[in-house]
C-alpha atoms as a PDB file:
ATOM      1  CA  MET A   1       7.987  -0.249 100.510  1.00  0.00           C
ATOM      2  CA  ALA A   2       9.859   1.762  97.950  1.00  0.00           C
ATOM      3  CA  PRO A   3       8.139   2.718  94.728  1.00  0.00           C
ATOM      4  CA  ARG A   4       8.928   0.387  91.989  1.00  0.00           C
ATOM      5  CA  THR A   5      11.094   1.768  89.184  1.00  0.00           C
ATOM      6  CA  LYS A   6      10.061   1.062  85.653  1.00  0.00           C
ATOM      7  CA  THR A   7      12.311  -1.117  83.594  1.00  0.00           C
ATOM      8  CA  PRO A   8      12.891  -0.485  79.895  1.00  0.00           C
ATOM      9  CA  VAL A   9      10.688  -3.477  79.058  1.00  0.00           C
ATOM     10  CA  THR A  10       7.733  -2.145  81.065  1.00  0.00           C
ATOM     11  CA  ARG A  11       8.158   1.308  79.556  1.00  0.00           C
ATOM     12  CA  ALA A  12       8.097  -0.216  76.026  1.00  0.00           C
ATOM     13  CA  LYS A  13       4.973  -2.198  76.903  1.00  0.00           C
ATOM     14  CA  GLN A  14       3.276   0.951  78.187  1.00  0.00           C
ATOM     15  CA  ARG A  15       4.154   2.908  75.020  1.00  0.00           C
ATOM     16  CA  THR A  16       2.943   0.074  72.797  1.00  0.00           C
ATOM     17  CA  ARG A  17      -0.318  -0.105  74.743  1.00  0.00           C
ATOM     18  CA  ASP A  18      -0.805   3.675  74.378  1.00  0.00           C
ATOM     19  CA  ILE A  19      -0.203   3.563  70.605  1.00  0.00           C
ATOM     20  CA  THR A  20      -2.416   0.505  70.115  1.00  0.00           C
ATOM     21  CA  SER A  21      -5.262   1.958  72.154  1.00  0.00           C
ATOM     22  CA  SER A  22      -5.211   5.184  70.097  1.00  0.00           C
ATOM     23  CA  PHE A  23      -5.711   3.155  66.929  1.00  0.00           C
ATOM     24  CA  SER A  24      -8.383   0.890  68.285  1.00  0.00           C
ATOM     25  CA  ARG A  25     -10.600   3.339  70.105  1.00  0.00           C
ATOM     26  CA  PRO A  26     -13.271   5.147  68.085  1.00  0.00           C
ATOM     27  CA  THR A  27     -12.630   8.732  67.039  1.00  0.00           C
ATOM     28  CA  PRO A  28     -14.733  11.191  69.008  1.00  0.00           C
ATOM     29  CA  GLU A  29     -17.494  12.910  67.087  1.00  0.00           C
ATOM     30  CA  ASP A  30     -15.964  16.379  67.338  1.00  0.00           C
ATOM     31  CA  ALA A  31     -12.564  15.166  66.032  1.00  0.00           C
ATOM     32  CA  ARG A  32     -13.939  13.601  62.867  1.00  0.00           C
ATOM     33  CA  ILE A  33     -13.213  15.192  59.479  1.00  0.00           C
ATOM     34  CA  GLY A  34     -16.674  14.819  58.105  1.00  0.00           C
ATOM     35  CA  ARG A  35     -19.204  15.502  60.800  1.00  0.00           C
ATOM     36  CA  HIS A  36     -21.935  15.976  58.298  1.00  0.00           C
ATOM     37  CA  GLN A  37     -22.988  13.643  55.576  1.00  0.00           C
ATOM     38  CA  ILE A  38     -22.231  16.175  52.811  1.00  0.00           C
ATOM     39  CA  SER A  39     -18.647  16.693  53.949  1.00  0.00           C
ATOM     40  CA  SER A  40     -18.091  12.935  54.250  1.00  0.00           C
ATOM     41  CA  TRP A  41     -19.348  12.488  50.670  1.00  0.00           C
ATOM     42  CA  MET A  42     -17.021  15.264  49.526  1.00  0.00           C
ATOM     43  CA  VAL A  43     -14.073  13.517  51.193  1.00  0.00           C
ATOM     44  CA  LYS A  44     -15.049  10.222  49.541  1.00  0.00           C
ATOM     45  CA  ILE A  45     -15.366  11.863  46.109  1.00  0.00           C
ATOM     46  CA  LEU A  46     -12.046  13.645  46.531  1.00  0.00           C
ATOM     47  CA  GLY A  47     -10.349  10.426  47.661  1.00  0.00           C
ATOM     48  CA  SER A  48     -11.750   8.410  44.779  1.00  0.00           C
ATOM     49  CA  SER A  49     -10.707  11.175  42.342  1.00  0.00           C
ATOM     50  CA  VAL A  50      -7.165  11.049  43.674  1.00  0.00           C
ATOM     51  CA  ALA A  51      -7.166   7.237  43.451  1.00  0.00           C
ATOM     52  CA  LEU A  52      -8.498   7.372  39.885  1.00  0.00           C
ATOM     53  CA  ALA A  53      -5.871   9.951  38.894  1.00  0.00           C
ATOM     54  CA  ALA A  54      -3.167   7.762  40.407  1.00  0.00           C
ATOM     55  CA  LEU A  55      -4.510   4.735  38.506  1.00  0.00           C
ATOM     56  CA  PHE A  56      -4.384   6.611  35.212  1.00  0.00           C
ATOM     57  CA  SER A  57      -0.985   8.145  35.956  1.00  0.00           C
ATOM     58  CA  PHE A  58       0.771   5.004  37.083  1.00  0.00           C
ATOM     59  CA  ILE A  59      -0.975   2.228  35.107  1.00  0.00           C
ATOM     60  CA  ILE A  60      -3.185   3.268  32.173  1.00  0.00           C
ATOM     61  CA  PHE A  61      -0.996   5.925  30.517  1.00  0.00           C
ATOM     62  CA  PRO A  62       2.253   3.934  30.846  1.00  0.00           C
ATOM     63  CA  LEU A  63       0.573   0.830  29.374  1.00  0.00           C
ATOM     64  CA  ARG A  64      -0.728   2.855  26.426  1.00  0.00           C
ATOM     65  CA  ASP A  65       2.742   4.306  25.839  1.00  0.00           C
ATOM     66  CA  TYR A  66       4.308   0.850  26.169  1.00  0.00           C
ATOM     67  CA  ARG A  67       1.997  -0.581  23.486  1.00  0.00           C
ATOM     68  CA  ALA A  68       2.671   2.336  21.121  1.00  0.00           C
ATOM     69  CA  GLN A  69       6.415   1.996  21.607  1.00  0.00           C
ATOM     70  CA  SER A  70       6.200  -1.764  21.103  1.00  0.00           C
ATOM     71  CA  LYS A  71       4.418  -1.285  17.765  1.00  0.00           C
ATOM     72  CA  ALA A  72       6.964   1.332  16.692  1.00  0.00           C
ATOM     73  CA  LEU A  73       9.794  -1.006  17.682  1.00  0.00           C
ATOM     74  CA  ASP A  74       8.277  -3.848  15.646  1.00  0.00           C
ATOM     75  CA  ALA A  75       7.954  -1.564  12.606  1.00  0.00           C
ATOM     76  CA  LYS A  76      11.555  -0.371  12.947  1.00  0.00           C
ATOM     77  CA  THR A  77      12.768  -3.950  13.400  1.00  0.00           C
ATOM     78  CA  THR A  78      11.012  -4.987  10.188  1.00  0.00           C
ATOM     79  CA  GLU A  79      12.468  -1.976   8.378  1.00  0.00           C
ATOM     80  CA  PHE A  80      15.926  -2.801   9.711  1.00  0.00           C
ATOM     81  CA  GLU A  81      15.674  -6.425   8.549  1.00  0.00           C
ATOM     82  CA  THR A  82      14.590  -5.281   5.082  1.00  0.00           C
ATOM     83  CA  LEU A  83      17.499  -2.864   4.863  1.00  0.00           C
ATOM     84  CA  ALA A  84      19.895  -5.531   6.145  1.00  0.00           C
ATOM     85  CA  ASP A  85      18.710  -7.893   3.378  1.00  0.00           C
ATOM     86  CA  ALA A  86      19.172  -5.163   0.763  1.00  0.00           C
ATOM     87  CA  ASN A  87      22.641  -4.448   2.166  1.00  0.00           C
ATOM     88  CA  GLU A  88      23.514  -8.114   1.939  1.00  0.00           C
ATOM     89  CA  GLN A  89      22.388  -8.280  -1.699  1.00  0.00           C
ATOM     90  CA  LEU A  90      24.420  -5.182  -2.529  1.00  0.00           C
ATOM     91  CA  GLN A  91      27.477  -6.655  -0.805  1.00  0.00           C
ATOM     92  CA  ILE A  92      27.102  -9.853  -2.853  1.00  0.00           C
ATOM     93  CA  GLU A  93      26.920  -7.737  -6.010  1.00  0.00           C
ATOM     94  CA  VAL A  94      29.998  -5.714  -4.960  1.00  0.00           C
ATOM     95  CA  ASN A  95      31.907  -8.937  -4.272  1.00  0.00           C
ATOM     96  CA  ALA A  96      30.908 -10.305  -7.685  1.00  0.00           C
ATOM     97  CA  LEU A  97      31.948  -7.089  -9.448  1.00  0.00           C
ATOM     98  CA  SER A  98      35.303  -7.053  -7.637  1.00  0.00           C
ATOM     99  CA  THR A  99      36.595  -9.973  -9.704  1.00  0.00           C
ATOM    100  CA  PRO A 100      37.830  -9.636 -13.314  1.00  0.00           C
ATOM    101  CA  GLU A 101      35.155 -12.076 -14.475  1.00  0.00           C
ATOM    102  CA  GLY A 102      32.462 -10.032 -12.722  1.00  0.00           C
ATOM    103  CA  ILE A 103      33.690  -6.828 -14.363  1.00  0.00           C
ATOM    104  CA  ARG A 104      33.699  -8.541 -17.775  1.00  0.00           C
ATOM    105  CA  ASN A 105      30.166  -9.903 -17.267  1.00  0.00           C
ATOM    106  CA  ALA A 106      28.881  -6.492 -16.136  1.00  0.00           C
ATOM    107  CA  ALA A 107      30.454  -4.850 -19.201  1.00  0.00           C
ATOM    108  CA  ARG A 108      28.825  -7.481 -21.430  1.00  0.00           C
ATOM    109  CA  THR A 109      25.339  -7.034 -19.993  1.00  0.00           C
ATOM    110  CA  LEU A 110      25.324  -3.278 -19.389  1.00  0.00           C
ATOM    111  CA  LEU A 111      27.501  -1.974 -22.215  1.00  0.00           C
ATOM    112  CA  GLY A 112      27.312  -4.750 -24.812  1.00  0.00           C
ATOM    113  CA  TYR A 113      31.068  -5.396 -24.584  1.00  0.00           C
ATOM    114  CA  VAL A 114      32.441  -8.295 -26.666  1.00  0.00           C
ATOM    115  CA  LEU A 115      35.910  -9.794 -26.586  1.00  0.00           C
ATOM    116  CA  PRO A 116      38.026  -9.757 -29.734  1.00  0.00           C
ATOM    117  CA  GLY A 117      36.961 -12.588 -32.034  1.00  0.00           C
ATOM    118  CA  GLU A 118      33.411 -12.806 -30.632  1.00  0.00           C
ATOM    119  CA  GLN A 119      30.216 -11.843 -32.420  1.00  0.00           C
ATOM    120  CA  ARG A 120      27.348 -10.215 -30.670  1.00  0.00           C
ATOM    121  CA  LEU A 121      23.896 -11.587 -31.455  1.00  0.00           C
ATOM    122  CA  SER A 122      20.906  -9.595 -30.319  1.00  0.00           C
ATOM    123  CA  LEU A 123      17.743 -11.577 -29.897  1.00  0.00           C
ATOM    124  CA  VAL A 124      14.476  -9.759 -29.624  1.00  0.00           C
ATOM    125  CA  LYS A 125      11.305 -11.142 -28.188  1.00  0.00           C
ATOM    126  CA  MET A 126       8.836 -12.642 -30.568  1.00  0.00           C
ATOM    127  CA  PRO A 127       5.965 -10.227 -31.047  1.00  0.00           C
ATOM    128  CA  ALA A 128       2.526 -11.352 -30.038  1.00  0.00           C
ATOM    129  CA  LEU A 129       0.709 -12.569 -33.104  1.00  0.00           C
ATOM    130  CA  PRO A 130      -2.785 -11.242 -33.748  1.00  0.00           C
ATOM    131  CA  THR A 131      -5.463 -13.801 -33.028  1.00  0.00           C
ATOM    132  CA  ASP A 132      -8.478 -11.655 -33.703  1.00  0.00           C
ATOM    133  CA  LEU A 133      -9.280 -12.990 -37.167  1.00  0.00           C
ATOM    134  CA  PRO A 134     -12.697 -12.550 -38.755  1.00  0.00           C
ATOM    135  CA  GLN A 135     -15.269 -15.202 -37.860  1.00  0.00           C
ATOM    136  CA  THR A 136     -15.766 -16.331 -41.464  1.00  0.00           C
ATOM    137  CA  TRP A 137     -14.360 -19.166 -43.522  1.00  0.00           C
ATOM    138  CA  PRO A 138     -11.276 -19.740 -44.026  1.00  0.00           C
ATOM    139  CA  TYR A 139     -10.230 -17.655 -41.000  1.00  0.00           C
ATOM    140  CA  THR A 140     -12.094 -19.871 -38.536  1.00  0.00           C
ATOM    141  CA  LEU A 141     -10.026 -22.809 -39.753  1.00  0.00           C
ATOM    142  CA  VAL A 142      -6.772 -20.863 -39.258  1.00  0.00           C
ATOM    143  CA  SER A 143      -7.873 -19.722 -35.782  1.00  0.00           C
ATOM    144  CA  ASP A 144      -8.598 -23.334 -34.774  1.00  0.00           C
ATOM    145  CA  ILE A 145      -5.206 -24.517 -36.056  1.00  0.00           C
ATOM    146  CA  VAL A 146      -3.363 -21.770 -34.144  1.00  0.00           C
ATOM    147  CA  ARG A 147      -5.280 -22.528 -30.939  1.00  0.00           C
ATOM    148  CA  VAL A 148      -4.587 -26.304 -31.147  1.00  0.00           C
ATOM    149  CA  ARG A 149      -0.884 -25.854 -31.928  1.00  0.00           C
ATOM    150  CA  THR A 150      -0.495 -23.360 -29.087  1.00  0.00           C
ATOM    151  CA  GLN A 151      -2.074 -25.804 -26.628  1.00  0.00           C
ATOM    152  CA  VAL A 152       0.127 -28.675 -27.830  1.00  0.00           C
ATOM    153  CA  ALA A 153       3.278 -26.547 -27.655  1.00  0.00           C
ATOM    154  CA  GLN A 154       2.499 -25.362 -24.136  1.00  0.00           C
ATOM    155  CA  ALA A 155       1.680 -28.874 -22.935  1.00  0.00           C
ATOM    156  CA  SER A 156       4.835 -30.438 -24.399  1.00  0.00           C
ATOM    157  CA  GLY A 157       7.208 -27.619 -23.441  1.00  0.00           C
ATOM    158  CA  GLY A 158       8.834 -27.944 -26.836  1.00  0.00           C
ATOM    159  CA  ALA A 159      10.594 -25.394 -28.994  1.00  0.00           C
ATOM    160  CA  LEU A 160       7.356 -23.585 -29.826  1.00  0.00           C
ATOM    161  CA  SER A 161       6.376 -22.996 -26.210  1.00  0.00           C
ATOM    162  CA  PRO A 162       7.661 -19.369 -26.200  1.00  0.00           C
ATOM    163  CA  LEU A 163       5.246 -18.656 -29.050  1.00  0.00           C
ATOM    164  CA  GLY A 164       2.284 -19.472 -26.873  1.00  0.00           C
ATOM    165  CA  HIS A 165       3.073 -16.722 -24.380  1.00  0.00           C
END
């Protein structure tokens, strides 16, 4: 009988069996990295150090940076919104001052401008009246009258209410 030739399928099976058996068989004692207990502990410490460094490099530090950048982005977004609101208010003011009526009103308020035939009346605030009167008669009577009238004016909202402020 002639020797049997190997087919590609049998050759692949043989190679797979060789590779699988090299993974599954135990490593001989002389081929091991750490033959002694001290060297095996050193390998374990070195491996865990590398794993810990990888953890910090790829997870911890990027997360810390992400949080810091997120806070900075939130602060800048708030600042941007505030500036956008201020811009909007300024644009409203520019639009109002672009009309002839707006220019006239600005001249009236800022420069005291009056049209021909108008009179300018300047009203000043009412000064605060002193309420620290002596605690003897007749001043106690006057203090009571002022206190009662101030309360009534504030409650009614009448013409004397600015005097109570």
